[in-house]
Amino acid sequence: MKKFAPYLTPFGLAIMPIIASAQTVESAIATIENILNLLIPLLMVLATVVFLWGVITYITAGGEEDKIKKGRSYMLFGIIGLFVMVAIWGIVKFVINTFGVGGEGVPTGVGGL
């Protein structure tokens, strides 16, 4: 957790004014949902690029053990990243349907396109 704290603190501080200006819980949830609708597809693209970079590194390793290990680790990190994001959006969809707070769950694309 200590590795992520320097990155989470600025993010938390950046969204505090947005959450504080929300007048109701529903508007706070809508604001957070709008932010995540832009962020999650970009992170999924990034995880896919990491996976594909691992595949390219693995294929072009030419028998070098270091490059093979590096390619495998990139592929593993990419798959884990995609799995975690899809699982989180499944949980979000479950919470939205259970509590009926509105929303669509998994975003359709960057900017809702």
PDB file of N, CA and C in Angstrom:
ATOM      1  N   MET A   1       0.813  -1.184   0.000  1.00  0.00           N
ATOM      2  CA  MET A   1       0.000   0.000   0.000  1.00  0.00           C
ATOM      3  C   MET A   1       0.862   1.255   0.000  1.00  0.00           C
ATOM      4  N   LYS A   2       2.070   1.161   0.553  1.00  0.00           N
ATOM      5  CA  LYS A   2       2.944   2.324   0.589  1.00  0.00           C
ATOM      6  C   LYS A   2       3.373   2.752  -0.811  1.00  0.00           C
ATOM      7  N   LYS A   3       3.411   1.806  -1.751  1.00  0.00           N
ATOM      8  CA  LYS A   3       3.791   2.152  -3.117  1.00  0.00           C
ATOM      9  C   LYS A   3       2.729   3.005  -3.797  1.00  0.00           C
ATOM     10  N   PHE A   4       1.461   2.765  -3.463  1.00  0.00           N
ATOM     11  CA  PHE A   4       0.366   3.450  -4.136  1.00  0.00           C
ATOM     12  C   PHE A   4      -0.031   4.758  -3.457  1.00  0.00           C
ATOM     13  N   ALA A   5       0.336   4.943  -2.201  1.00  0.00           N
ATOM     14  CA  ALA A   5      -0.077   6.134  -1.450  1.00  0.00           C
ATOM     15  C   ALA A   5       0.357   7.440  -2.122  1.00  0.00           C
ATOM     16  N   PRO A   6       1.576   7.550  -2.649  1.00  0.00           N
ATOM     17  CA  PRO A   6       1.941   8.816  -3.295  1.00  0.00           C
ATOM     18  C   PRO A   6       1.106   9.127  -4.532  1.00  0.00           C
ATOM     19  N   TYR A   7       0.529   8.111  -5.155  1.00  0.00           N
ATOM     20  CA  TYR A   7      -0.281   8.337  -6.345  1.00  0.00           C
ATOM     21  C   TYR A   7      -1.752   8.568  -5.995  1.00  0.00           C
ATOM     22  N   LEU A   8      -2.224   7.893  -4.939  1.00  0.00           N
ATOM     23  CA  LEU A   8      -3.625   8.032  -4.562  1.00  0.00           C
ATOM     24  C   LEU A   8      -3.908   9.349  -3.859  1.00  0.00           C
ATOM     25  N   THR A   9      -2.956   9.850  -3.107  1.00  0.00           N
ATOM     26  CA  THR A   9      -3.178  11.092  -2.368  1.00  0.00           C
ATOM     27  C   THR A   9      -3.461  12.271  -3.296  1.00  0.00           C
ATOM     28  N   PRO A  10      -2.663  12.522  -4.336  1.00  0.00           N
ATOM     29  CA  PRO A  10      -2.999  13.632  -5.239  1.00  0.00           C
ATOM     30  C   PRO A  10      -4.335  13.436  -5.952  1.00  0.00           C
ATOM     31  N   PHE A  11      -4.655  12.185  -6.312  1.00  0.00           N
ATOM     32  CA  PHE A  11      -5.937  11.908  -6.958  1.00  0.00           C
ATOM     33  C   PHE A  11      -7.083  12.229  -6.010  1.00  0.00           C
ATOM     34  N   GLY A  12      -6.953  11.787  -4.761  1.00  0.00           N
ATOM     35  CA  GLY A  12      -7.986  12.062  -3.765  1.00  0.00           C
ATOM     36  C   GLY A  12      -8.156  13.550  -3.515  1.00  0.00           C
ATOM     37  N   LEU A  13      -7.040  14.253  -3.439  1.00  0.00           N
ATOM     38  CA  LEU A  13      -7.110  15.697  -3.235  1.00  0.00           C
ATOM     39  C   LEU A  13      -7.697  16.414  -4.453  1.00  0.00           C
ATOM     40  N   ALA A  14      -7.450  15.875  -5.639  1.00  0.00           N
ATOM     41  CA  ALA A  14      -7.956  16.509  -6.850  1.00  0.00           C
ATOM     42  C   ALA A  14      -9.472  16.379  -6.969  1.00  0.00           C
ATOM     43  N   ILE A  15     -10.035  15.259  -6.513  1.00  0.00           N
ATOM     44  CA  ILE A  15     -11.485  15.076  -6.654  1.00  0.00           C
ATOM     45  C   ILE A  15     -12.269  15.586  -5.450  1.00  0.00           C
ATOM     46  N   MET A  16     -11.601  15.981  -4.370  1.00  0.00           N
ATOM     47  CA  MET A  16     -12.320  16.478  -3.187  1.00  0.00           C
ATOM     48  C   MET A  16     -13.197  17.697  -3.487  1.00  0.00           C
ATOM     49  N   PRO A  17     -12.721  18.713  -4.220  1.00  0.00           N
ATOM     50  CA  PRO A  17     -13.622  19.845  -4.510  1.00  0.00           C
ATOM     51  C   PRO A  17     -14.842  19.440  -5.322  1.00  0.00           C
ATOM     52  N   ILE A  18     -14.671  18.470  -6.206  1.00  0.00           N
ATOM     53  CA  ILE A  18     -15.798  18.014  -7.022  1.00  0.00           C
ATOM     54  C   ILE A  18     -16.834  17.346  -6.133  1.00  0.00           C
ATOM     55  N   ILE A  19     -16.361  16.495  -5.228  1.00  0.00           N
ATOM     56  CA  ILE A  19     -17.284  15.806  -4.335  1.00  0.00           C
ATOM     57  C   ILE A  19     -17.894  16.780  -3.340  1.00  0.00           C
ATOM     58  N   ALA A  20     -17.105  17.728  -2.845  1.00  0.00           N
ATOM     59  CA  ALA A  20     -17.612  18.682  -1.862  1.00  0.00           C
ATOM     60  C   ALA A  20     -18.666  19.608  -2.456  1.00  0.00           C
ATOM     61  N   SER A  21     -18.559  19.919  -3.735  1.00  0.00           N
ATOM     62  CA  SER A  21     -19.545  20.805  -4.350  1.00  0.00           C
ATOM     63  C   SER A  21     -20.842  20.084  -4.700  1.00  0.00           C
ATOM     64  N   ALA A  22     -20.839  18.766  -4.572  1.00  0.00           N
ATOM     65  CA  ALA A  22     -22.052  18.009  -4.859  1.00  0.00           C
ATOM     66  C   ALA A  22     -23.075  18.303  -3.760  1.00  0.00           C
ATOM     67  N   GLN A  23     -24.320  18.497  -4.166  1.00  0.00           N
ATOM     68  CA  GLN A  23     -25.343  18.852  -3.197  1.00  0.00           C
ATOM     69  C   GLN A  23     -26.064  17.639  -2.639  1.00  0.00           C
ATOM     70  N   THR A  24     -26.061  16.555  -3.370  1.00  0.00           N
ATOM     71  CA  THR A  24     -26.710  15.340  -2.897  1.00  0.00           C
ATOM     72  C   THR A  24     -25.794  14.157  -3.158  1.00  0.00           C
ATOM     73  N   VAL A  25     -26.145  13.040  -2.567  1.00  0.00           N
ATOM     74  CA  VAL A  25     -25.365  11.819  -2.771  1.00  0.00           C
ATOM     75  C   VAL A  25     -25.453  11.395  -4.233  1.00  0.00           C
ATOM     76  N   GLU A  26     -26.631  11.548  -4.815  1.00  0.00           N
ATOM     77  CA  GLU A  26     -26.809  11.145  -6.216  1.00  0.00           C
ATOM     78  C   GLU A  26     -25.932  11.971  -7.155  1.00  0.00           C
ATOM     79  N   SER A  27     -25.823  13.280  -6.891  1.00  0.00           N
ATOM     80  CA  SER A  27     -24.977  14.102  -7.759  1.00  0.00           C
ATOM     81  C   SER A  27     -23.500  13.781  -7.553  1.00  0.00           C
ATOM     82  N   ALA A  28     -23.103  13.404  -6.328  1.00  0.00           N
ATOM     83  CA  ALA A  28     -21.720  12.983  -6.090  1.00  0.00           C
ATOM     84  C   ALA A  28     -21.422  11.698  -6.837  1.00  0.00           C
ATOM     85  N   ILE A  29     -22.378  10.765  -6.798  1.00  0.00           N
ATOM     86  CA  ILE A  29     -22.200   9.498  -7.520  1.00  0.00           C
ATOM     87  C   ILE A  29     -22.147   9.763  -9.020  1.00  0.00           C
ATOM     88  N   ALA A  30     -22.984  10.657  -9.510  1.00  0.00           N
ATOM     89  CA  ALA A  30     -22.982  10.983 -10.941  1.00  0.00           C
ATOM     90  C   ALA A  30     -21.664  11.617 -11.357  1.00  0.00           C
ATOM     91  N   THR A  31     -21.107  12.480 -10.502  1.00  0.00           N
ATOM     92  CA  THR A  31     -19.823  13.113 -10.812  1.00  0.00           C
ATOM     93  C   THR A  31     -18.708  12.081 -10.864  1.00  0.00           C
ATOM     94  N   ILE A  32     -18.676  11.199  -9.879  1.00  0.00           N
ATOM     95  CA  ILE A  32     -17.657  10.148  -9.855  1.00  0.00           C
ATOM     96  C   ILE A  32     -17.836   9.224 -11.054  1.00  0.00           C
ATOM     97  N   GLU A  33     -19.083   8.909 -11.397  1.00  0.00           N
ATOM     98  CA  GLU A  33     -19.352   8.053 -12.547  1.00  0.00           C
ATOM     99  C   GLU A  33     -18.852   8.696 -13.845  1.00  0.00           C
ATOM    100  N   ASN A  34     -19.047  10.002 -13.984  1.00  0.00           N
ATOM    101  CA  ASN A  34     -18.566  10.697 -15.186  1.00  0.00           C
ATOM    102  C   ASN A  34     -17.050  10.655 -15.287  1.00  0.00           C
ATOM    103  N   ILE A  35     -16.381  10.824 -14.165  1.00  0.00           N
ATOM    104  CA  ILE A  35     -14.909  10.753 -14.156  1.00  0.00           C
ATOM    105  C   ILE A  35     -14.457   9.352 -14.537  1.00  0.00           C
ATOM    106  N   LEU A  36     -15.092   8.338 -13.943  1.00  0.00           N
ATOM    107  CA  LEU A  36     -14.705   6.958 -14.234  1.00  0.00           C
ATOM    108  C   LEU A  36     -15.040   6.562 -15.663  1.00  0.00           C
ATOM    109  N   ASN A  37     -16.116   7.123 -16.213  1.00  0.00           N
ATOM    110  CA  ASN A  37     -16.463   6.818 -17.605  1.00  0.00           C
ATOM    111  C   ASN A  37     -15.386   7.290 -18.575  1.00  0.00           C
ATOM    112  N   LEU A  38     -14.639   8.306 -18.198  1.00  0.00           N
ATOM    113  CA  LEU A  38     -13.525   8.757 -19.030  1.00  0.00           C
ATOM    114  C   LEU A  38     -12.241   7.992 -18.723  1.00  0.00           C
ATOM    115  N   LEU A  39     -12.050   7.639 -17.465  1.00  0.00           N
ATOM    116  CA  LEU A  39     -10.791   7.051 -17.020  1.00  0.00           C
ATOM    117  C   LEU A  39     -10.675   5.560 -17.335  1.00  0.00           C
ATOM    118  N   ILE A  40     -11.727   4.796 -17.088  1.00  0.00           N
ATOM    119  CA  ILE A  40     -11.658   3.338 -17.232  1.00  0.00           C
ATOM    120  C   ILE A  40     -11.344   2.889 -18.657  1.00  0.00           C
ATOM    121  N   PRO A  41     -11.986   3.418 -19.700  1.00  0.00           N
ATOM    122  CA  PRO A  41     -11.611   2.977 -21.051  1.00  0.00           C
ATOM    123  C   PRO A  41     -10.149   3.273 -21.387  1.00  0.00           C
ATOM    124  N   LEU A  42      -9.651   4.405 -20.912  1.00  0.00           N
ATOM    125  CA  LEU A  42      -8.241   4.714 -21.154  1.00  0.00           C
ATOM    126  C   LEU A  42      -7.327   3.712 -20.449  1.00  0.00           C
ATOM    127  N   LEU A  43      -7.687   3.329 -19.223  1.00  0.00           N
ATOM    128  CA  LEU A  43      -6.894   2.337 -18.505  1.00  0.00           C
ATOM    129  C   LEU A  43      -6.974   0.964 -19.163  1.00  0.00           C
ATOM    130  N   MET A  44      -8.129   0.625 -19.723  1.00  0.00           N
ATOM    131  CA  MET A  44      -8.254  -0.651 -20.437  1.00  0.00           C
ATOM    132  C   MET A  44      -7.377  -0.662 -21.686  1.00  0.00           C
ATOM    133  N   VAL A  45      -7.343   0.455 -22.392  1.00  0.00           N
ATOM    134  CA  VAL A  45      -6.464   0.558 -23.560  1.00  0.00           C
ATOM    135  C   VAL A  45      -5.009   0.431 -23.129  1.00  0.00           C
ATOM    136  N   LEU A  46      -4.649   1.075 -22.025  1.00  0.00           N
ATOM    137  CA  LEU A  46      -3.282   0.995 -21.515  1.00  0.00           C
ATOM    138  C   LEU A  46      -2.917  -0.438 -21.134  1.00  0.00           C
ATOM    139  N   ALA A  47      -3.820  -1.153 -20.467  1.00  0.00           N
ATOM    140  CA  ALA A  47      -3.559  -2.546 -20.099  1.00  0.00           C
ATOM    141  C   ALA A  47      -3.415  -3.423 -21.344  1.00  0.00           C
ATOM    142  N   THR A  48      -4.211  -3.150 -22.367  1.00  0.00           N
ATOM    143  CA  THR A  48      -4.096  -3.905 -23.620  1.00  0.00           C
ATOM    144  C   THR A  48      -2.758  -3.634 -24.292  1.00  0.00           C
ATOM    145  N   VAL A  49      -2.321  -2.379 -24.286  1.00  0.00           N
ATOM    146  CA  VAL A  49      -1.026  -2.027 -24.873  1.00  0.00           C
ATOM    147  C   VAL A  49       0.105  -2.710 -24.110  1.00  0.00           C
ATOM    148  N   VAL A  50       0.004  -2.757 -22.779  1.00  0.00           N
ATOM    149  CA  VAL A  50       1.026  -3.444 -21.970  1.00  0.00           C
ATOM    150  C   VAL A  50       1.066  -4.922 -22.331  1.00  0.00           C
ATOM    151  N   PHE A  51      -0.102  -5.552 -22.469  1.00  0.00           N
ATOM    152  CA  PHE A  51      -0.143  -6.961 -22.852  1.00  0.00           C
ATOM    153  C   PHE A  51       0.485  -7.179 -24.228  1.00  0.00           C
ATOM    154  N   LEU A  52       0.118  -6.344 -25.192  1.00  0.00           N
ATOM    155  CA  LEU A  52       0.665  -6.498 -26.546  1.00  0.00           C
ATOM    156  C   LEU A  52       2.168  -6.219 -26.585  1.00  0.00           C
ATOM    157  N   TRP A  53       2.625  -5.271 -25.774  1.00  0.00           N
ATOM    158  CA  TRP A  53       4.065  -5.021 -25.678  1.00  0.00           C
ATOM    159  C   TRP A  53       4.781  -6.260 -25.141  1.00  0.00           C
ATOM    160  N   GLY A  54       4.157  -6.937 -24.189  1.00  0.00           N
ATOM    161  CA  GLY A  54       4.728  -8.183 -23.671  1.00  0.00           C
ATOM    162  C   GLY A  54       4.785  -9.263 -24.727  1.00  0.00           C
ATOM    163  N   VAL A  55       3.736  -9.355 -25.544  1.00  0.00           N
ATOM    164  CA  VAL A  55       3.727 -10.344 -26.629  1.00  0.00           C
ATOM    165  C   VAL A  55       4.844 -10.044 -27.624  1.00  0.00           C
ATOM    166  N   ILE A  56       5.004  -8.787 -27.998  1.00  0.00           N
ATOM    167  CA  ILE A  56       6.055  -8.404 -28.940  1.00  0.00           C
ATOM    168  C   ILE A  56       7.438  -8.680 -28.357  1.00  0.00           C
ATOM    169  N   THR A  57       7.620  -8.339 -27.084  1.00  0.00           N
ATOM    170  CA  THR A  57       8.906  -8.589 -26.425  1.00  0.00           C
ATOM    171  C   THR A  57       9.202 -10.080 -26.367  1.00  0.00           C
ATOM    172  N   TYR A  58       8.188 -10.884 -26.073  1.00  0.00           N
ATOM    173  CA  TYR A  58       8.354 -12.327 -25.980  1.00  0.00           C
ATOM    174  C   TYR A  58       8.705 -12.930 -27.339  1.00  0.00           C
ATOM    175  N   ILE A  59       8.015 -12.471 -28.371  1.00  0.00           N
ATOM    176  CA  ILE A  59       8.255 -13.023 -29.709  1.00  0.00           C
ATOM    177  C   ILE A  59       9.636 -12.642 -30.231  1.00  0.00           C
ATOM    178  N   THR A  60      10.051 -11.411 -29.975  1.00  0.00           N
ATOM    179  CA  THR A  60      11.331 -10.936 -30.500  1.00  0.00           C
ATOM    180  C   THR A  60      12.507 -11.222 -29.568  1.00  0.00           C
ATOM    181  N   ALA A  61      12.297 -12.025 -28.532  1.00  0.00           N
ATOM    182  CA  ALA A  61      13.356 -12.295 -27.556  1.00  0.00           C
ATOM    183  C   ALA A  61      14.532 -13.036 -28.182  1.00  0.00           C
ATOM    184  N   GLY A  62      14.277 -13.891 -29.126  1.00  0.00           N
ATOM    185  CA  GLY A  62      15.351 -14.612 -29.791  1.00  0.00           C
ATOM    186  C   GLY A  62      16.112 -15.553 -28.860  1.00  0.00           C
ATOM    187  N   GLY A  63      15.430 -16.102 -27.875  1.00  0.00           N
ATOM    188  CA  GLY A  63      16.065 -17.057 -26.968  1.00  0.00           C
ATOM    189  C   GLY A  63      16.740 -16.435 -25.754  1.00  0.00           C
ATOM    190  N   GLU A  64      16.734 -15.119 -25.643  1.00  0.00           N
ATOM    191  CA  GLU A  64      17.333 -14.462 -24.482  1.00  0.00           C
ATOM    192  C   GLU A  64      16.389 -14.580 -23.284  1.00  0.00           C
ATOM    193  N   GLU A  65      16.888 -15.199 -22.219  1.00  0.00           N
ATOM    194  CA  GLU A  65      16.046 -15.472 -21.052  1.00  0.00           C
ATOM    195  C   GLU A  65      15.513 -14.196 -20.401  1.00  0.00           C
ATOM    196  N   ASP A  66      16.312 -13.145 -20.349  1.00  0.00           N
ATOM    197  CA  ASP A  66      15.864 -11.901 -19.721  1.00  0.00           C
ATOM    198  C   ASP A  66      14.676 -11.294 -20.469  1.00  0.00           C
ATOM    199  N   LYS A  67      14.762 -11.279 -21.798  1.00  0.00           N
ATOM    200  CA  LYS A  67      13.662 -10.719 -22.587  1.00  0.00           C
ATOM    201  C   LYS A  67      12.424 -11.600 -22.514  1.00  0.00           C
ATOM    202  N   ILE A  68      12.614 -12.906 -22.448  1.00  0.00           N
ATOM    203  CA  ILE A  68      11.475 -13.822 -22.320  1.00  0.00           C
ATOM    204  C   ILE A  68      10.760 -13.581 -20.993  1.00  0.00           C
ATOM    205  N   LYS A  69      11.523 -13.458 -19.910  1.00  0.00           N
ATOM    206  CA  LYS A  69      10.915 -13.191 -18.597  1.00  0.00           C
ATOM    207  C   LYS A  69      10.216 -11.840 -18.580  1.00  0.00           C
ATOM    208  N   LYS A  70      10.848 -10.841 -19.191  1.00  0.00           N
ATOM    209  CA  LYS A  70      10.257  -9.504 -19.241  1.00  0.00           C
ATOM    210  C   LYS A  70       8.950  -9.530 -20.034  1.00  0.00           C
ATOM    211  N   GLY A  71       8.938 -10.220 -21.178  1.00  0.00           N
ATOM    212  CA  GLY A  71       7.723 -10.334 -21.983  1.00  0.00           C
ATOM    213  C   GLY A  71       6.610 -11.042 -21.234  1.00  0.00           C
ATOM    214  N   ARG A  72       6.955 -12.128 -20.544  1.00  0.00           N
ATOM    215  CA  ARG A  72       5.946 -12.846 -19.757  1.00  0.00           C
ATOM    216  C   ARG A  72       5.372 -11.969 -18.660  1.00  0.00           C
ATOM    217  N   SER A  73       6.237 -11.205 -17.987  1.00  0.00           N
ATOM    218  CA  SER A  73       5.734 -10.353 -16.903  1.00  0.00           C
ATOM    219  C   SER A  73       4.828  -9.252 -17.445  1.00  0.00           C
ATOM    220  N   TYR A  74       5.167  -8.658 -18.598  1.00  0.00           N
ATOM    221  CA  TYR A  74       4.301  -7.657 -19.201  1.00  0.00           C
ATOM    222  C   TYR A  74       2.949  -8.259 -19.578  1.00  0.00           C
ATOM    223  N   MET A  75       2.965  -9.453 -20.167  1.00  0.00           N
ATOM    224  CA  MET A  75       1.705 -10.098 -20.530  1.00  0.00           C
ATOM    225  C   MET A  75       0.869 -10.380 -19.287  1.00  0.00           C
ATOM    226  N   LEU A  76       1.512 -10.848 -18.227  1.00  0.00           N
ATOM    227  CA  LEU A  76       0.798 -11.142 -16.993  1.00  0.00           C
ATOM    228  C   LEU A  76       0.201  -9.876 -16.379  1.00  0.00           C
ATOM    229  N   PHE A  77       0.986  -8.794 -16.343  1.00  0.00           N
ATOM    230  CA  PHE A  77       0.482  -7.532 -15.795  1.00  0.00           C
ATOM    231  C   PHE A  77      -0.688  -6.996 -16.626  1.00  0.00           C
ATOM    232  N   GLY A  78      -0.599  -7.124 -17.941  1.00  0.00           N
ATOM    233  CA  GLY A  78      -1.692  -6.669 -18.802  1.00  0.00           C
ATOM    234  C   GLY A  78      -2.970  -7.458 -18.570  1.00  0.00           C
ATOM    235  N   ILE A  79      -2.841  -8.779 -18.458  1.00  0.00           N
ATOM    236  CA  ILE A  79      -4.017  -9.619 -18.220  1.00  0.00           C
ATOM    237  C   ILE A  79      -4.613  -9.333 -16.850  1.00  0.00           C
ATOM    238  N   ILE A  80      -3.758  -9.203 -15.844  1.00  0.00           N
ATOM    239  CA  ILE A  80      -4.252  -8.903 -14.493  1.00  0.00           C
ATOM    240  C   ILE A  80      -4.952  -7.544 -14.482  1.00  0.00           C
ATOM    241  N   GLY A  81      -4.374  -6.553 -15.150  1.00  0.00           N
ATOM    242  CA  GLY A  81      -5.002  -5.234 -15.208  1.00  0.00           C
ATOM    243  C   GLY A  81      -6.369  -5.279 -15.854  1.00  0.00           C
ATOM    244  N   LEU A  82      -6.490  -5.968 -16.978  1.00  0.00           N
ATOM    245  CA  LEU A  82      -7.787  -6.086 -17.641  1.00  0.00           C
ATOM    246  C   LEU A  82      -8.789  -6.832 -16.774  1.00  0.00           C
ATOM    247  N   PHE A  83      -8.339  -7.908 -16.142  1.00  0.00           N
ATOM    248  CA  PHE A  83      -9.231  -8.689 -15.282  1.00  0.00           C
ATOM    249  C   PHE A  83      -9.749  -7.851 -14.120  1.00  0.00           C
ATOM    250  N   VAL A  84      -8.864  -7.116 -13.474  1.00  0.00           N
ATOM    251  CA  VAL A  84      -9.270  -6.304 -12.325  1.00  0.00           C
ATOM    252  C   VAL A  84     -10.277  -5.236 -12.757  1.00  0.00           C
ATOM    253  N   MET A  85     -10.031  -4.573 -13.882  1.00  0.00           N
ATOM    254  CA  MET A  85     -10.955  -3.528 -14.324  1.00  0.00           C
ATOM    255  C   MET A  85     -12.319  -4.097 -14.700  1.00  0.00           C
ATOM    256  N   VAL A  86     -12.347  -5.233 -15.381  1.00  0.00           N
ATOM    257  CA  VAL A  86     -13.630  -5.840 -15.748  1.00  0.00           C
ATOM    258  C   VAL A  86     -14.357  -6.320 -14.493  1.00  0.00           C
ATOM    259  N   ALA A  87     -13.617  -6.884 -13.528  1.00  0.00           N
ATOM    260  CA  ALA A  87     -14.242  -7.335 -12.288  1.00  0.00           C
ATOM    261  C   ALA A  87     -14.808  -6.161 -11.493  1.00  0.00           C
ATOM    262  N   ILE A  88     -14.085  -5.064 -11.441  1.00  0.00           N
ATOM    263  CA  ILE A  88     -14.571  -3.887 -10.722  1.00  0.00           C
ATOM    264  C   ILE A  88     -15.832  -3.347 -11.386  1.00  0.00           C
ATOM    265  N   TRP A  89     -15.864  -3.298 -12.715  1.00  0.00           N
ATOM    266  CA  TRP A  89     -17.062  -2.801 -13.375  1.00  0.00           C
ATOM    267  C   TRP A  89     -18.232  -3.761 -13.210  1.00  0.00           C
ATOM    268  N   GLY A  90     -17.952  -5.051 -13.040  1.00  0.00           N
ATOM    269  CA  GLY A  90     -19.025  -5.993 -12.702  1.00  0.00           C
ATOM    270  C   GLY A  90     -19.597  -5.699 -11.330  1.00  0.00           C
ATOM    271  N   ILE A  91     -18.731  -5.392 -10.392  1.00  0.00           N
ATOM    272  CA  ILE A  91     -19.178  -5.030  -9.047  1.00  0.00           C
ATOM    273  C   ILE A  91     -19.962  -3.720  -9.089  1.00  0.00           C
ATOM    274  N   VAL A  92     -19.476  -2.758  -9.870  1.00  0.00           N
ATOM    275  CA  VAL A  92     -20.188  -1.480 -10.006  1.00  0.00           C
ATOM    276  C   VAL A  92     -21.584  -1.712 -10.584  1.00  0.00           C
ATOM    277  N   LYS A  93     -21.685  -2.525 -11.600  1.00  0.00           N
ATOM    278  CA  LYS A  93     -22.983  -2.826 -12.210  1.00  0.00           C
ATOM    279  C   LYS A  93     -23.906  -3.501 -11.190  1.00  0.00           C
ATOM    280  N   PHE A  94     -23.356  -4.408 -10.389  1.00  0.00           N
ATOM    281  CA  PHE A  94     -24.140  -5.079  -9.355  1.00  0.00           C
ATOM    282  C   PHE A  94     -24.662  -4.079  -8.330  1.00  0.00           C
ATOM    283  N   VAL A  95     -23.798  -3.163  -7.886  1.00  0.00           N
ATOM    284  CA  VAL A  95     -24.197  -2.164  -6.896  1.00  0.00           C
ATOM    285  C   VAL A  95     -25.250  -1.229  -7.476  1.00  0.00           C
ATOM    286  N   ILE A  96     -25.073  -0.814  -8.727  1.00  0.00           N
ATOM    287  CA  ILE A  96     -26.047   0.074  -9.371  1.00  0.00           C
ATOM    288  C   ILE A  96     -27.405  -0.603  -9.465  1.00  0.00           C
ATOM    289  N   ASN A  97     -27.419  -1.876  -9.866  1.00  0.00           N
ATOM    290  CA  ASN A  97     -28.689  -2.583  -9.990  1.00  0.00           C
ATOM    291  C   ASN A  97     -29.308  -2.886  -8.629  1.00  0.00           C
ATOM    292  N   THR A  98     -28.482  -3.175  -7.637  1.00  0.00           N
ATOM    293  CA  THR A  98     -28.994  -3.520  -6.320  1.00  0.00           C
ATOM    294  C   THR A  98     -29.605  -2.322  -5.615  1.00  0.00           C
ATOM    295  N   PHE A  99     -28.895  -1.190  -5.619  1.00  0.00           N
ATOM    296  CA  PHE A  99     -29.368  -0.024  -4.890  1.00  0.00           C
ATOM    297  C   PHE A  99     -30.161   0.945  -5.750  1.00  0.00           C
ATOM    298  N   GLY A 100     -30.192   0.708  -7.035  1.00  0.00           N
ATOM    299  CA  GLY A 100     -30.998   1.532  -7.929  1.00  0.00           C
ATOM    300  C   GLY A 100     -30.601   3.002  -7.950  1.00  0.00           C
ATOM    301  N   VAL A 101     -29.308   3.267  -7.935  1.00  0.00           N
ATOM    302  CA  VAL A 101     -28.859   4.656  -7.922  1.00  0.00           C
ATOM    303  C   VAL A 101     -28.714   5.225  -9.323  1.00  0.00           C
ATOM    304  N   GLY A 102     -29.062   4.467 -10.342  1.00  0.00           N
ATOM    305  CA  GLY A 102     -28.990   4.957 -11.714  1.00  0.00           C
ATOM    306  C   GLY A 102     -27.638   4.701 -12.325  1.00  0.00           C
ATOM    307  N   GLY A 103     -27.519   4.960 -13.563  1.00  0.00           N
ATOM    308  CA  GLY A 103     -26.264   4.736 -14.273  1.00  0.00           C
ATOM    309  C   GLY A 103     -26.366   3.519 -15.156  1.00  0.00           C
ATOM    310  N   GLU A 104     -25.313   3.330 -15.932  1.00  0.00           N
ATOM    311  CA  GLU A 104     -25.304   2.253 -16.893  1.00  0.00           C
ATOM    312  C   GLU A 104     -24.308   1.172 -16.590  1.00  0.00           C
ATOM    313  N   GLY A 105     -23.420   1.358 -15.620  1.00  0.00           N
ATOM    314  CA  GLY A 105     -22.403   0.347 -15.360  1.00  0.00           C
ATOM    315  C   GLY A 105     -21.193   0.572 -16.225  1.00  0.00           C
ATOM    316  N   VAL A 106     -20.893  -0.381 -17.079  1.00  0.00           N
ATOM    317  CA  VAL A 106     -19.706  -0.312 -17.908  1.00  0.00           C
ATOM    318  C   VAL A 106     -19.869   0.795 -18.949  1.00  0.00           C
ATOM    319  N   PRO A 107     -18.888   1.696 -19.052  1.00  0.00           N
ATOM    320  CA  PRO A 107     -19.022   2.790 -20.017  1.00  0.00           C
ATOM    321  C   PRO A 107     -18.960   2.275 -21.441  1.00  0.00           C
ATOM    322  N   THR A 108     -19.609   2.997 -22.332  1.00  0.00           N
ATOM    323  CA  THR A 108     -19.638   2.586 -23.730  1.00  0.00           C
ATOM    324  C   THR A 108     -18.380   3.001 -24.460  1.00  0.00           C
ATOM    325  N   GLY A 109     -17.672   3.984 -23.984  1.00  0.00           N
ATOM    326  CA  GLY A 109     -16.449   4.433 -24.619  1.00  0.00           C
ATOM    327  C   GLY A 109     -16.036   5.770 -24.061  1.00  0.00           C
ATOM    328  N   VAL A 110     -14.966   6.280 -24.551  1.00  0.00           N
ATOM    329  CA  VAL A 110     -14.469   7.564 -24.071  1.00  0.00           C
ATOM    330  C   VAL A 110     -15.498   8.643 -24.384  1.00  0.00           C
ATOM    331  N   GLY A 111     -15.935   9.350 -23.369  1.00  0.00           N
ATOM    332  CA  GLY A 111     -16.913  10.405 -23.555  1.00  0.00           C
ATOM    333  C   GLY A 111     -18.321   9.893 -23.818  1.00  0.00           C
ATOM    334  N   GLY A 112     -18.557   8.602 -23.590  1.00  0.00           N
ATOM    335  CA  GLY A 112     -19.895   8.049 -23.797  1.00  0.00           C
ATOM    336  C   GLY A 112     -20.254   7.815 -25.242  1.00  0.00           C
ATOM    337  N   LEU A 113     -19.254   7.832 -26.129  1.00  0.00           N
ATOM    338  CA  LEU A 113     -19.508   7.637 -27.567  1.00  0.00           C
ATOM    339  C   LEU A 113     -19.668   6.178 -27.886  1.00  0.00           C
TER     340      LEU A 113
END
